[in-house]
Amino acid sequence: MIEEVDMMDQMNDFLYQLKRHMQYTSELRDAYEKLPVEQKEIVKNASPRKESPEDLSKHAYQWHDNLFKVVDK
């Protein structure tokens, strides 16, 4: 029983960190949106996957939503 509680605490910690990640990616996306087009291209091209912060934000929110569906079952 203690192991199960430990695992849930670890999952809750992960979910908390994921929520923080979502917040940070949203802030990053907001800052990105304020850049001129040329600077947006520089930022996007510097990304390992050539993704914008908007893409990162979408991934974070989808990850969060998918994980909550599984955990809440």
Protein backbone atom coordinates (compact mmCIF):
# COMPACT_ATOMS: atom_id res chain seq x y z
CA MET A 1 0.00 0.00 0.00
CA ILE A 2 2.85 2.37 0.82
CA GLU A 3 4.41 1.73 -2.60
CA GLU A 4 1.13 2.67 -4.28
CA VAL A 5 1.00 5.93 -2.30
CA ASP A 6 4.63 6.62 -3.23
CA MET A 7 3.85 6.04 -6.90
CA MET A 8 0.87 8.41 -6.76
CA ASP A 9 2.99 11.04 -5.03
CA GLN A 10 5.55 10.69 -7.79
CA MET A 11 2.84 10.93 -10.44
CA ASN A 12 1.35 13.98 -8.74
CA ASP A 13 4.80 15.55 -8.68
CA PHE A 14 5.20 14.83 -12.39
CA LEU A 15 1.77 16.30 -13.15
CA TYR A 16 2.67 19.39 -11.15
CA GLN A 17 5.91 19.78 -13.11
CA LEU A 18 4.06 19.21 -16.39
CA LYS A 19 1.59 21.95 -15.47
CA ARG A 20 4.53 24.28 -14.79
CA HIS A 21 5.98 23.27 -18.15
CA MET A 22 2.68 24.22 -19.79
CA GLN A 23 2.79 27.61 -18.11
CA TYR A 24 6.37 28.23 -19.22
CA THR A 25 5.69 27.17 -22.79
CA SER A 26 2.67 29.50 -22.84
CA GLU A 27 4.85 32.38 -21.66
CA LEU A 28 7.47 31.47 -24.25
CA ARG A 29 4.79 31.38 -26.95
CA ASP A 30 3.53 34.80 -25.88
CA ALA A 31 7.04 36.26 -26.05
CA TYR A 32 7.58 34.61 -29.45
CA GLU A 33 4.38 36.14 -30.82
CA LYS A 34 5.70 39.63 -30.05
CA LEU A 35 8.80 39.11 -32.22
CA PRO A 36 9.04 40.47 -35.76
CA VAL A 37 8.66 37.86 -38.52
CA GLU A 38 12.41 37.72 -39.21
CA GLN A 39 13.21 36.99 -35.57
CA LYS A 40 10.47 34.39 -35.39
CA GLU A 41 12.16 32.57 -38.28
CA ILE A 42 15.52 32.73 -36.50
CA VAL A 43 13.99 31.26 -33.34
CA LYS A 44 12.12 28.56 -35.25
CA ASN A 45 15.15 27.60 -37.34
CA ALA A 46 17.28 27.30 -34.19
CA SER A 47 14.86 24.74 -32.76
CA PRO A 48 16.07 21.12 -33.04
CA ARG A 49 12.81 20.17 -34.78
CA LYS A 50 12.25 23.53 -36.48
CA GLU A 51 9.17 24.05 -34.30
CA SER A 52 7.87 27.29 -32.93
CA PRO A 53 7.10 27.85 -29.26
CA GLU A 54 3.45 27.64 -30.30
CA ASP A 55 4.06 24.02 -31.35
CA LEU A 56 5.80 23.31 -28.04
CA SER A 57 2.86 24.77 -26.17
CA LYS A 58 0.40 22.63 -28.12
CA HIS A 59 2.47 19.51 -27.37
CA ALA A 60 2.60 20.34 -23.66
CA TYR A 61 -1.17 20.86 -23.45
CA GLN A 62 -1.88 17.66 -25.40
CA TRP A 63 0.53 15.68 -23.20
CA HIS A 64 -1.19 17.08 -20.11
CA ASP A 65 -4.68 16.28 -21.39
CA ASN A 66 -3.75 12.76 -22.49
CA LEU A 67 -2.06 11.98 -19.20
CA PHE A 68 -4.99 13.25 -17.15
CA LYS A 69 -7.34 11.01 -19.12
CA VAL A 70 -5.25 7.99 -18.15
CA VAL A 71 -4.64 9.00 -14.53
CA ASP A 72 -8.25 9.95 -13.83
CA LYS A 73 -9.56 6.50 -14.84
